[in-house]
Amino acid sequence: MTNSTSTSPAPGARAGRREWTALGVLMLPLLLVSMDVSVLYFAIPSISADLEPSGTQQLWIFDIYAFVLAGLLMTMGSLGDRIGRRKLLLFGAAAFGTASVLAAYANSPETLIAARALLGIGGATLMPSTMAIIRTMFTDPGQRVKAIGLWSGVMTGGIALGSVMSGVLVEYFWWGSVFLVNLPAMVLLLVLGPILLPESRNPEPGRFDFLSVPLSMAAVLPVIYGVKEIPSEGWKPVYVVSINVGLLFAALFVHRQRTAESPLISPALFRGRGFAPAVVLNLISSFAMMGSAYFTTQYLQSVLGMSSMKAALWGLLPTVLVGVAAPVAAQLVQKGVHRAHVVTGGFVVAACGYGLLALAGTDSLWLVLAGAGVLAAGIVSVMSQMMDLALGTVPIGNAGSASALLETGAEFGGALGMAVLGSIGTAVYHHEIPSGVPAAAHETLGGALAVAGQLPDRTGDALATAARDAFTSGMNAAAIAGAILLLAAAGLATATLRKVHVREPESEPTAPEPAEALV
């Protein structure tokens, strides 16, 4: 026996207590997926002492999660549209939980790398599925923008919380505990998900285009790899070649999507007015957010001399504004303020945050924290609105693909932000640092402080002071560049969004599910 109706609310219907409770359940895996980006910050020293990985293996332990996550987002978003978002979410939760256990009890670097890769696969299923299910549950535009605002806040806050939680757990337990903390939330999702979460999928998805899967990964991974390494290693030929190879495969991927009978990412998504601007503006937002994080984390630790744990705790303070920003933006839109004005205002606020960072000196803790908080508030306001705009302009049947495309763009934007702004800061650092210092001190602030520690007190102090001044000057210059970019984005938002009025697309019904599977 089958149910002839979808488990999703009717278009425009207001969500009730059940849907808001389900949203709370969805926030748990999202929080953990975002935390896993930064959860190894404090665990790496303990892992290195226990498993004795090589330098290359240590880098892969840290980076493989983000690489696999970014590479599979589009594939998993499209797969969820075909087999069902709830089904994929629960599969991802099981994979994430299993990988967490494998990582916690890994007895070799190779096992830990494999477990982190499996965590990335699970994360790639969870992220687009959560957003697509939100699109399914909240069909009322006002409620949906509130729900997406919460999604954005949890996603942003989780990255900051991950480093702090890892520090606390490693302090009192062994390094594997940073992975085992995932299990209760995943078990709760597996128990409550089938009860609270609706199932939905595209009833006419077409055949799954398997050729697009390796093309998408070949497009994403080399570019992400290249731009992630440039800030610390410089513009070495291998990274430039990697980026160009990725761009070549990106062109092949786009061609495949335009010519395939059933593409992985349908070009029809871009026919929705506002979808393309939403993807671009969301990418710029991620660029600005991650670009600032590249400097503020180093500033707290290396310029102000904080321990990693203390810096992580101070770094939580700016996220307080994040919890307020997205709901305020949603409220403004609901009260009739045009979305273009809200987004433009968000970019201007974020630019002011960069302006504060541009004024920082080598002893400006509160100024830097204020700048980071103002920047994050403005960016989260923009990102929540862009996610709502993008999902509101596509049929529910394509919600998974749309959310995956948004998140892939955000991954690119974050990597580009660290690469471009990091390169600006590095160039200024090289120019400002005295030319006669040792080569290691000339390359990075960390290298300079290490060299300074080996020199006589007066000479070492002079080198450390010069290096901190040079780094801060680099941060100031990168902040000015970031502010200019955000002001340009504000103009772009005004130009592209002022005539966009979201009207719910005529959506195909979601596929019915067996009655036995529904509650």
Protein backbone atom coordinates (compact mmCIF):
# COMPACT_ATOMS: atom_id res chain seq x y z
CA MET A 1 0.00 0.00 0.00
CA THR A 2 1.33 3.45 -0.86
CA ASN A 3 0.45 6.87 0.28
CA SER A 4 -0.77 9.10 -2.50
CA THR A 5 0.42 12.29 -0.91
CA SER A 6 3.83 13.66 -0.09
CA THR A 7 5.06 13.82 3.45
CA SER A 8 5.98 17.46 2.86
CA PRO A 9 3.71 20.33 3.88
CA ALA A 10 1.56 21.82 1.14
CA PRO A 11 3.14 24.83 -0.61
CA GLY A 12 2.71 27.88 1.58
CA ALA A 13 1.52 25.88 4.61
CA ARG A 14 2.95 27.02 7.93
CA ALA A 15 5.18 24.63 9.80
CA GLY A 16 4.14 23.54 13.27
CA ARG A 17 5.81 22.17 16.38
CA ARG A 18 6.74 18.93 14.62
CA GLU A 19 8.74 20.71 11.92
CA TRP A 20 10.55 22.99 14.38
CA THR A 21 11.42 19.99 16.53
CA ALA A 22 12.71 18.23 13.41
CA LEU A 23 14.83 21.30 12.66
CA GLY A 24 16.45 20.94 16.06
CA VAL A 25 17.30 17.34 15.23
CA LEU A 26 18.80 18.45 11.90
CA MET A 27 21.02 21.00 13.60
CA LEU A 28 22.92 18.28 15.48
CA PRO A 29 24.60 16.62 12.48
CA LEU A 30 25.17 20.02 10.88
CA LEU A 31 26.94 21.26 14.00
CA LEU A 32 29.18 18.19 14.10
CA VAL A 33 30.01 18.32 10.38
CA SER A 34 31.09 21.95 10.72
CA MET A 35 33.01 21.23 13.93
CA ASP A 36 34.97 18.46 12.22
CA VAL A 37 36.59 21.09 9.99
CA SER A 38 38.47 22.45 13.02
CA VAL A 39 38.26 19.68 15.60
CA LEU A 40 41.86 18.53 15.04
CA TYR A 41 43.45 21.89 15.86
CA PHE A 42 44.44 20.77 19.37
CA ALA A 43 44.39 17.02 18.81
CA ILE A 44 47.17 16.95 16.19
CA PRO A 45 50.06 17.12 18.71
CA SER A 46 48.67 14.15 20.65
CA ILE A 47 47.99 12.24 17.45
CA SER A 48 51.55 12.92 16.27
CA ALA A 49 53.00 11.65 19.55
CA ASP A 50 50.86 8.50 19.49
CA LEU A 51 50.78 7.49 15.80
CA GLU A 52 54.03 9.16 14.67
CA PRO A 53 52.81 10.20 11.20
CA SER A 54 55.20 11.68 8.66
CA GLY A 55 54.84 15.34 7.74
CA THR A 56 52.89 14.42 4.62
CA GLN A 57 50.64 12.02 6.52
CA GLN A 58 49.92 14.70 9.12
CA LEU A 59 48.81 17.10 6.40
CA TRP A 60 46.51 14.48 4.92
CA ILE A 61 45.05 13.67 8.34
CA PHE A 62 44.10 17.32 8.65
CA ASP A 63 43.06 18.10 5.05
CA ILE A 64 41.51 14.92 3.66
CA TYR A 65 38.17 15.59 5.37
CA ALA A 66 37.67 18.98 3.71
CA PHE A 67 38.90 17.71 0.33
CA VAL A 68 36.51 14.76 0.20
CA LEU A 69 33.67 16.89 1.53
CA ALA A 70 34.13 19.53 -1.17
CA GLY A 71 34.64 16.99 -3.94
CA LEU A 72 31.45 15.03 -3.25
CA LEU A 73 28.95 17.77 -2.40
CA MET A 74 27.48 18.06 -5.90
CA THR A 75 27.31 14.29 -6.31
CA MET A 76 25.54 13.76 -2.99
CA GLY A 77 23.14 16.65 -3.52
CA SER A 78 22.04 15.20 -6.84
CA LEU A 79 21.90 11.69 -5.39
CA GLY A 80 19.61 12.89 -2.59
CA ASP A 81 17.21 14.37 -5.14
CA ARG A 82 17.02 10.94 -6.75
CA ILE A 83 16.87 8.44 -3.89
CA GLY A 84 15.38 10.67 -1.18
CA ARG A 85 16.98 13.30 1.06
CA ARG A 86 16.01 11.64 4.33
CA LYS A 87 17.32 8.28 3.15
CA LEU A 88 20.65 9.83 2.16
CA LEU A 89 20.80 11.80 5.43
CA LEU A 90 20.34 8.66 7.52
CA PHE A 91 22.90 6.79 5.41
CA GLY A 92 25.31 9.67 5.94
CA ALA A 93 24.66 9.66 9.70
CA ALA A 94 25.46 5.95 9.87
CA ALA A 95 28.63 6.45 7.80
CA PHE A 96 29.66 9.44 9.91
CA GLY A 97 29.15 7.54 13.14
CA THR A 98 31.04 4.49 11.89
CA ALA A 99 33.90 6.63 10.64
CA SER A 100 34.03 8.43 14.00
CA VAL A 101 34.62 5.12 15.79
CA LEU A 102 37.27 4.08 13.26
CA ALA A 103 39.04 7.43 13.67
CA ALA A 104 38.88 7.34 17.48
CA TYR A 105 40.54 3.93 17.67
CA ALA A 106 42.88 4.26 14.68
CA ASN A 107 46.23 2.58 15.38
CA SER A 108 48.11 3.93 12.36
CA PRO A 109 48.26 7.13 10.30
CA GLU A 110 46.88 5.29 7.27
CA THR A 111 43.82 4.12 9.21
CA LEU A 112 43.17 7.62 10.52
CA ILE A 113 43.48 9.12 7.04
CA ALA A 114 41.00 6.55 5.69
CA ALA A 115 38.60 7.25 8.57
CA ARG A 116 38.82 10.99 7.97
CA ALA A 117 38.06 10.40 4.29
CA LEU A 118 34.98 8.37 5.28
CA LEU A 119 33.97 11.23 7.58
CA GLY A 120 34.18 13.52 4.55
CA ILE A 121 31.89 11.21 2.58
CA GLY A 122 29.39 11.23 5.43
CA GLY A 123 29.65 15.00 5.75
CA ALA A 124 29.02 15.43 2.03
CA THR A 125 25.73 13.55 2.38
CA LEU A 126 24.65 15.44 5.49
CA MET A 127 25.18 19.06 4.45
CA PRO A 128 23.03 19.30 1.28
CA SER A 129 20.46 16.90 2.73
CA THR A 130 19.84 19.08 5.79
CA MET A 131 19.26 22.19 3.69
CA ALA A 132 17.08 20.36 1.17
CA ILE A 133 14.94 18.90 3.97
CA ILE A 134 14.55 22.39 5.43
CA ARG A 135 13.29 23.50 2.00
CA THR A 136 10.84 20.62 2.10
CA MET A 137 9.56 21.22 5.65
CA PHE A 138 9.32 25.01 5.55
CA THR A 139 7.32 26.03 2.51
CA ASP A 140 6.14 29.30 4.09
CA PRO A 141 8.74 31.90 2.94
CA GLY A 142 8.84 33.71 6.29
CA GLN A 143 9.40 30.54 8.29
CA ARG A 144 11.90 29.21 5.78
CA VAL A 145 14.15 32.25 6.02
CA LYS A 146 14.16 31.90 9.82
CA ALA A 147 15.05 28.22 9.56
CA ILE A 148 17.85 28.91 7.07
CA GLY A 149 19.11 31.69 9.33
CA LEU A 150 19.44 29.15 12.14
CA TRP A 151 21.18 26.77 9.71
CA SER A 152 23.71 29.48 8.82
CA GLY A 153 24.36 30.40 12.45
CA VAL A 154 24.92 26.81 13.52
CA MET A 155 27.21 26.18 10.55
CA THR A 156 29.35 29.23 11.30
CA GLY A 157 29.40 28.71 15.05
CA GLY A 158 30.32 25.04 14.73
CA ILE A 159 33.65 25.84 13.06
CA ALA A 160 34.62 28.10 15.98
CA LEU A 161 33.30 25.66 18.57
CA GLY A 162 35.16 22.69 17.09
CA SER A 163 38.60 23.96 18.03
CA VAL A 164 37.54 24.81 21.59
CA MET A 165 35.85 21.45 22.13
CA SER A 166 38.92 19.61 20.84
CA GLY A 167 41.08 21.53 23.29
CA VAL A 168 38.84 20.65 26.24
CA LEU A 169 38.53 16.98 25.29
CA VAL A 170 42.24 16.52 24.67
CA GLU A 171 42.94 18.23 27.99
CA TYR A 172 40.91 15.69 29.99
CA PHE A 173 40.69 12.61 27.71
CA TRP A 174 42.68 11.04 24.88
CA TRP A 175 42.70 12.37 21.33
CA GLY A 176 40.15 9.83 20.09
CA SER A 177 37.46 11.52 22.20
CA VAL A 178 37.23 14.37 19.66
CA PHE A 179 35.67 11.83 17.29
CA LEU A 180 33.56 9.86 19.76
CA VAL A 181 31.67 13.04 20.69
CA ASN A 182 29.91 12.63 17.31
CA LEU A 183 28.20 9.39 18.26
CA PRO A 184 25.33 10.53 20.55
CA ALA A 185 24.09 13.06 17.98
CA MET A 186 24.26 10.56 15.12
CA VAL A 187 22.42 7.91 17.14
CA LEU A 188 19.75 10.46 18.02
CA LEU A 189 19.39 11.38 14.36
CA LEU A 190 19.07 7.73 13.32
CA VAL A 191 16.36 7.19 15.96
CA LEU A 192 14.34 10.39 15.52
CA GLY A 193 15.00 11.04 11.82
CA PRO A 194 12.56 8.42 10.48
CA ILE A 195 9.91 9.72 12.89
CA LEU A 196 10.22 13.49 12.47
CA LEU A 197 11.79 14.12 9.09
CA PRO A 198 9.75 14.00 5.88
CA GLU A 199 10.99 12.09 2.86
CA SER A 200 11.05 13.80 -0.50
CA ARG A 201 12.74 13.37 -3.83
CA ASN A 202 12.45 14.41 -7.43
CA PRO A 203 9.81 12.09 -8.96
CA GLU A 204 11.34 12.41 -12.45
CA PRO A 205 15.09 12.77 -11.92
CA GLY A 206 16.23 10.91 -15.01
CA ARG A 207 19.17 8.53 -15.10
CA PHE A 208 22.08 9.23 -12.80
CA ASP A 209 25.00 10.60 -14.85
CA PHE A 210 27.93 8.60 -13.52
CA LEU A 211 30.45 10.32 -15.84
CA SER A 212 29.73 13.66 -14.15
CA VAL A 213 30.87 12.31 -10.77
CA PRO A 214 34.60 11.97 -11.59
CA LEU A 215 34.43 15.14 -13.67
CA SER A 216 33.05 17.11 -10.74
CA MET A 217 35.69 15.76 -8.37
CA ALA A 218 38.47 16.41 -10.91
CA ALA A 219 37.20 19.98 -11.20
CA VAL A 220 36.89 20.69 -7.48
CA LEU A 221 39.78 18.89 -5.80
CA PRO A 222 42.79 20.24 -7.76
CA VAL A 223 41.55 23.82 -7.44
CA ILE A 224 40.82 23.49 -3.72
CA TYR A 225 44.24 21.87 -3.19
CA GLY A 226 46.10 24.57 -5.09
CA VAL A 227 44.44 27.55 -3.46
CA LYS A 228 44.71 26.02 0.03
CA GLU A 229 48.48 25.56 -0.29
CA ILE A 230 49.37 28.91 -1.88
CA PRO A 231 49.04 31.05 1.30
CA SER A 232 51.61 28.98 3.20
CA GLU A 233 53.80 27.64 0.39
CA GLY A 234 53.65 30.45 -2.18
CA TRP A 235 52.92 30.33 -5.90
CA LYS A 236 54.89 27.19 -6.65
CA PRO A 237 54.45 25.68 -10.14
CA VAL A 238 52.82 22.53 -8.78
CA TYR A 239 49.99 24.56 -7.23
CA VAL A 240 49.49 26.70 -10.33
CA VAL A 241 49.36 23.57 -12.49
CA SER A 242 46.92 21.98 -10.06
CA ILE A 243 44.57 24.95 -10.32
CA ASN A 244 44.77 24.98 -14.12
CA VAL A 245 44.06 21.25 -14.30
CA GLY A 246 41.02 21.77 -12.09
CA LEU A 247 39.78 24.63 -14.25
CA LEU A 248 40.16 22.46 -17.36
CA PHE A 249 38.03 19.73 -15.81
CA ALA A 250 35.58 22.40 -14.64
CA ALA A 251 35.08 23.43 -18.26
CA LEU A 252 34.55 19.78 -19.22
CA PHE A 253 32.08 19.37 -16.34
CA VAL A 254 30.07 22.42 -17.42
CA HIS A 255 30.01 21.14 -21.01
CA ARG A 256 28.77 17.78 -19.76
CA GLN A 257 25.98 19.38 -17.77
CA ARG A 258 24.85 21.40 -20.77
CA THR A 259 24.81 18.43 -23.16
CA ALA A 260 23.89 15.40 -21.02
CA GLU A 261 20.33 14.13 -21.20
CA SER A 262 20.14 13.92 -17.39
CA PRO A 263 22.89 16.12 -15.92
CA LEU A 264 24.17 15.93 -12.38
CA ILE A 265 23.52 19.68 -11.94
CA SER A 266 20.72 20.84 -14.19
CA PRO A 267 21.41 24.11 -16.06
CA ALA A 268 17.71 24.83 -15.48
CA LEU A 269 18.62 25.81 -11.93
CA PHE A 270 20.12 29.02 -13.29
CA ARG A 271 16.89 29.95 -15.04
CA GLY A 272 15.40 30.85 -11.70
CA ARG A 273 15.82 34.60 -11.37
CA GLY A 274 18.17 35.25 -8.49
CA PHE A 275 19.80 31.81 -8.32
CA ALA A 276 23.02 32.74 -10.15
CA PRO A 277 23.49 35.99 -8.14
CA ALA A 278 22.85 34.02 -4.95
CA VAL A 279 25.62 31.54 -5.78
CA VAL A 280 28.10 34.30 -6.65
CA LEU A 281 27.30 36.50 -3.65
CA ASN A 282 27.42 33.49 -1.33
CA LEU A 283 30.87 32.63 -2.71
CA ILE A 284 32.07 36.19 -2.05
CA SER A 285 30.70 35.96 1.49
CA SER A 286 32.67 32.80 2.17
CA PHE A 287 35.75 34.43 0.62
CA ALA A 288 35.50 37.29 3.11
CA MET A 289 34.78 35.11 6.13
CA MET A 290 37.62 32.63 5.66
CA GLY A 291 40.02 35.31 4.47
CA SER A 292 39.64 37.16 7.77
CA ALA A 293 39.94 33.96 9.81
CA TYR A 294 43.34 33.32 8.21
CA PHE A 295 44.66 36.47 9.89
CA THR A 296 42.72 36.72 13.14
CA THR A 297 43.72 33.24 14.37
CA GLN A 298 47.40 34.00 13.73
CA TYR A 299 47.04 37.44 15.25
CA LEU A 300 45.71 36.09 18.54
CA GLN A 301 48.37 33.41 18.84
CA SER A 302 51.49 34.85 17.23
CA VAL A 303 51.09 38.61 17.59
CA LEU A 304 49.43 38.70 21.01
CA GLY A 305 51.24 35.56 22.19
CA MET A 306 48.17 33.62 23.38
CA SER A 307 48.21 29.87 23.83
CA SER A 308 46.15 27.93 21.29
CA MET A 309 43.44 27.19 23.83
CA LYS A 310 43.22 30.78 25.04
CA ALA A 311 43.09 32.04 21.45
CA ALA A 312 40.29 29.59 20.63
CA LEU A 313 38.26 30.76 23.63
CA TRP A 314 38.70 34.42 22.72
CA GLY A 315 37.82 33.48 19.15
CA LEU A 316 34.37 32.37 20.31
CA LEU A 317 33.47 35.91 21.37
CA PRO A 318 32.79 37.29 17.84
CA THR A 319 30.34 34.43 17.18
CA VAL A 320 27.93 35.99 19.69
CA LEU A 321 26.91 38.49 17.02
CA VAL A 322 26.39 35.66 14.53
CA GLY A 323 23.46 34.32 16.54
CA VAL A 324 21.71 37.68 16.27
CA ALA A 325 22.53 38.71 12.71
CA ALA A 326 20.61 36.15 10.62
CA PRO A 327 17.32 36.44 12.60
CA VAL A 328 17.50 40.25 12.37
CA ALA A 329 18.02 40.04 8.60
CA ALA A 330 15.08 37.65 8.29
CA GLN A 331 12.89 39.94 10.38
CA LEU A 332 13.73 42.92 8.19
CA VAL A 333 12.74 41.03 5.04
CA GLN A 334 9.50 39.90 6.66
CA LYS A 335 8.66 43.49 7.60
CA GLY A 336 8.86 44.50 3.96
CA VAL A 337 12.46 45.66 3.53
CA HIS A 338 13.58 44.57 0.09
CA ARG A 339 16.05 41.69 0.17
CA ALA A 340 18.46 43.66 -2.03
CA HIS A 341 18.69 46.36 0.63
CA VAL A 342 19.22 43.84 3.43
CA VAL A 343 21.98 42.05 1.52
CA THR A 344 23.61 45.32 0.49
CA GLY A 345 23.51 46.44 4.12
CA GLY A 346 25.04 43.15 5.21
CA PHE A 347 27.97 43.61 2.85
CA VAL A 348 28.47 47.20 4.04
CA VAL A 349 28.44 46.06 7.68
CA ALA A 350 30.97 43.34 6.85
CA ALA A 351 33.14 45.90 5.06
CA CYS A 352 33.08 47.99 8.25
CA GLY A 353 34.37 44.92 10.09
CA TYR A 354 37.30 44.74 7.70
CA GLY A 355 37.74 48.49 8.24
CA LEU A 356 38.25 47.87 11.96
CA LEU A 357 40.83 45.17 11.18
CA ALA A 358 42.63 47.65 8.93
CA LEU A 359 43.08 49.95 11.94
CA ALA A 360 44.52 47.28 14.27
CA GLY A 361 47.98 47.56 15.72
CA THR A 362 50.10 44.92 17.42
CA ASP A 363 48.20 45.31 20.71
CA SER A 364 44.57 45.67 19.60
CA LEU A 365 42.75 42.65 21.03
CA TRP A 366 39.35 44.27 21.40
CA LEU A 367 39.56 46.08 18.07
CA VAL A 368 40.36 42.82 16.27
CA LEU A 369 37.59 40.93 18.08
CA ALA A 370 35.12 43.72 17.30
CA GLY A 371 36.18 43.72 13.66
CA ALA A 372 35.83 39.94 13.42
CA GLY A 373 32.40 40.08 15.09
CA VAL A 374 31.05 42.87 12.88
CA LEU A 375 32.42 41.13 9.79
CA ALA A 376 30.86 37.80 10.76
CA ALA A 377 27.49 39.41 11.54
CA GLY A 378 27.34 41.09 8.16
CA ILE A 379 28.45 37.99 6.27
CA VAL A 380 26.03 35.62 8.02
CA SER A 381 23.20 38.05 7.26
CA VAL A 382 24.12 37.87 3.59
CA MET A 383 24.65 34.11 3.49
CA SER A 384 21.33 33.29 5.14
CA GLN A 385 19.50 35.50 2.65
CA MET A 386 21.36 34.07 -0.32
CA MET A 387 20.62 30.50 0.73
CA ASP A 388 16.94 31.32 1.12
CA LEU A 389 16.88 33.13 -2.22
CA ALA A 390 18.55 30.25 -4.05
CA LEU A 391 16.32 27.58 -2.55
CA GLY A 392 13.21 29.71 -2.99
CA THR A 393 13.77 30.02 -6.73
CA VAL A 394 14.13 26.31 -7.53
CA PRO A 395 11.56 23.51 -7.39
CA ILE A 396 11.67 21.31 -4.31
CA GLY A 397 12.67 18.40 -6.55
CA ASN A 398 16.01 20.11 -7.21
CA ALA A 399 16.61 21.37 -3.67
CA GLY A 400 19.46 18.94 -3.00
CA SER A 401 21.36 19.89 -6.15
CA ALA A 402 20.80 23.59 -5.50
CA SER A 403 22.05 23.43 -1.91
CA ALA A 404 25.05 21.33 -2.95
CA LEU A 405 26.00 23.89 -5.59
CA LEU A 406 25.75 26.68 -3.02
CA GLU A 407 27.95 24.81 -0.56
CA THR A 408 30.51 23.87 -3.21
CA GLY A 409 30.72 27.55 -4.15
CA ALA A 410 31.23 28.38 -0.49
CA GLU A 411 34.12 25.89 -0.30
CA PHE A 412 35.73 27.54 -3.31
CA GLY A 413 35.15 30.98 -1.86
CA GLY A 414 36.71 30.06 1.47
CA ALA A 415 39.81 28.59 -0.16
CA LEU A 416 40.14 31.61 -2.46
CA GLY A 417 39.76 34.00 0.45
CA MET A 418 42.65 32.43 2.31
CA ALA A 419 44.75 32.25 -0.87
CA VAL A 420 44.16 35.77 -2.19
CA LEU A 421 44.07 37.73 1.06
CA GLY A 422 46.79 35.50 2.50
CA SER A 423 49.00 36.28 -0.51
CA ILE A 424 48.42 40.01 -0.06
CA GLY A 425 49.35 39.78 3.61
CA THR A 426 52.42 37.68 2.82
CA ALA A 427 53.61 40.12 0.15
CA VAL A 428 53.35 43.04 2.58
CA TYR A 429 55.10 40.98 5.28
CA HIS A 430 58.00 40.26 2.91
CA HIS A 431 58.23 43.96 2.06
CA GLU A 432 58.10 45.17 5.67
CA ILE A 433 60.39 42.64 7.35
CA PRO A 434 64.05 43.83 7.43
CA SER A 435 66.02 42.40 4.53
CA GLY A 436 68.94 41.20 6.64
CA VAL A 437 67.00 38.69 8.75
CA PRO A 438 67.48 34.89 8.31
CA ALA A 439 65.54 33.28 5.47
CA ALA A 440 63.10 31.48 7.79
CA ALA A 441 62.23 34.77 9.51
CA HIS A 442 61.67 36.43 6.14
CA GLU A 443 59.09 33.85 5.06
CA THR A 444 56.52 33.77 7.88
CA LEU A 445 55.76 35.24 11.27
CA GLY A 446 56.00 31.77 12.83
CA GLY A 447 59.43 31.31 11.33
CA ALA A 448 60.54 34.71 12.60
CA LEU A 449 59.39 33.97 16.15
CA ALA A 450 61.17 30.62 16.08
CA VAL A 451 64.40 32.28 14.95
CA ALA A 452 63.97 35.06 17.51
CA GLY A 453 63.75 32.51 20.30
CA GLN A 454 67.24 31.27 19.41
CA LEU A 455 68.88 34.71 19.41
CA PRO A 456 70.18 36.79 22.33
CA ASP A 457 67.44 38.60 24.22
CA ARG A 458 67.80 42.08 22.73
CA THR A 459 68.34 40.87 19.17
CA GLY A 460 65.56 38.29 19.43
CA ASP A 461 63.12 40.82 20.86
CA ALA A 462 63.90 43.27 18.06
CA LEU A 463 63.30 40.59 15.41
CA ALA A 464 60.06 39.44 17.05
CA THR A 465 58.80 43.03 17.24
CA ALA A 466 59.67 43.69 13.61
CA ALA A 467 57.97 40.47 12.50
CA ARG A 468 54.80 41.24 14.47
CA ASP A 469 54.71 44.74 13.01
CA ALA A 470 55.17 43.33 9.50
CA PHE A 471 52.45 40.73 9.94
CA THR A 472 50.03 43.32 11.31
CA SER A 473 50.76 45.59 8.35
CA GLY A 474 50.00 42.64 6.07
CA MET A 475 46.72 42.05 7.88
CA ASN A 476 45.86 45.75 7.54
CA ALA A 477 46.51 45.65 3.78
CA ALA A 478 44.50 42.45 3.31
CA ALA A 479 41.65 43.99 5.34
CA ILE A 480 41.60 47.04 3.06
CA ALA A 481 41.43 44.73 0.03
CA GLY A 482 38.63 42.75 1.70
CA ALA A 483 36.69 45.92 2.47
CA ILE A 484 36.97 47.08 -1.14
CA LEU A 485 35.75 43.69 -2.36
CA LEU A 486 32.77 43.74 -0.01
CA LEU A 487 31.78 47.26 -1.03
CA ALA A 488 31.93 46.11 -4.66
CA ALA A 489 29.77 43.12 -3.68
CA ALA A 490 27.29 45.53 -2.09
CA GLY A 491 27.00 47.32 -5.42
CA LEU A 492 26.65 43.99 -7.24
CA ALA A 493 23.89 42.93 -4.83
CA THR A 494 21.98 46.14 -5.45
CA ALA A 495 22.31 45.77 -9.22
CA THR A 496 21.36 42.07 -9.43
CA LEU A 497 18.76 41.71 -6.67
CA ARG A 498 16.74 44.91 -6.82
CA LYS A 499 14.30 43.43 -9.36
CA VAL A 500 14.24 39.96 -7.83
CA HIS A 501 11.07 39.18 -5.96
CA VAL A 502 11.00 35.57 -4.86
CA ARG A 503 7.93 33.73 -6.00
CA GLU A 504 7.68 30.10 -5.08
CA PRO A 505 8.33 28.10 -8.26
CA GLU A 506 5.65 25.82 -9.51
CA SER A 507 6.95 22.69 -7.93
CA GLU A 508 6.42 19.14 -8.99
CA PRO A 509 5.02 16.95 -6.22
CA THR A 510 7.59 15.00 -4.31
CA ALA A 511 7.62 11.28 -4.76
CA PRO A 512 5.25 9.31 -2.52
CA GLU A 513 6.72 6.97 0.05
CA PRO A 514 5.40 3.65 1.31
CA ALA A 515 2.91 4.23 4.11
CA GLU A 516 4.74 1.78 6.35
CA ALA A 517 7.81 4.05 6.29
CA LEU A 518 5.85 7.10 7.34
CA VAL A 519 4.74 8.23 10.74
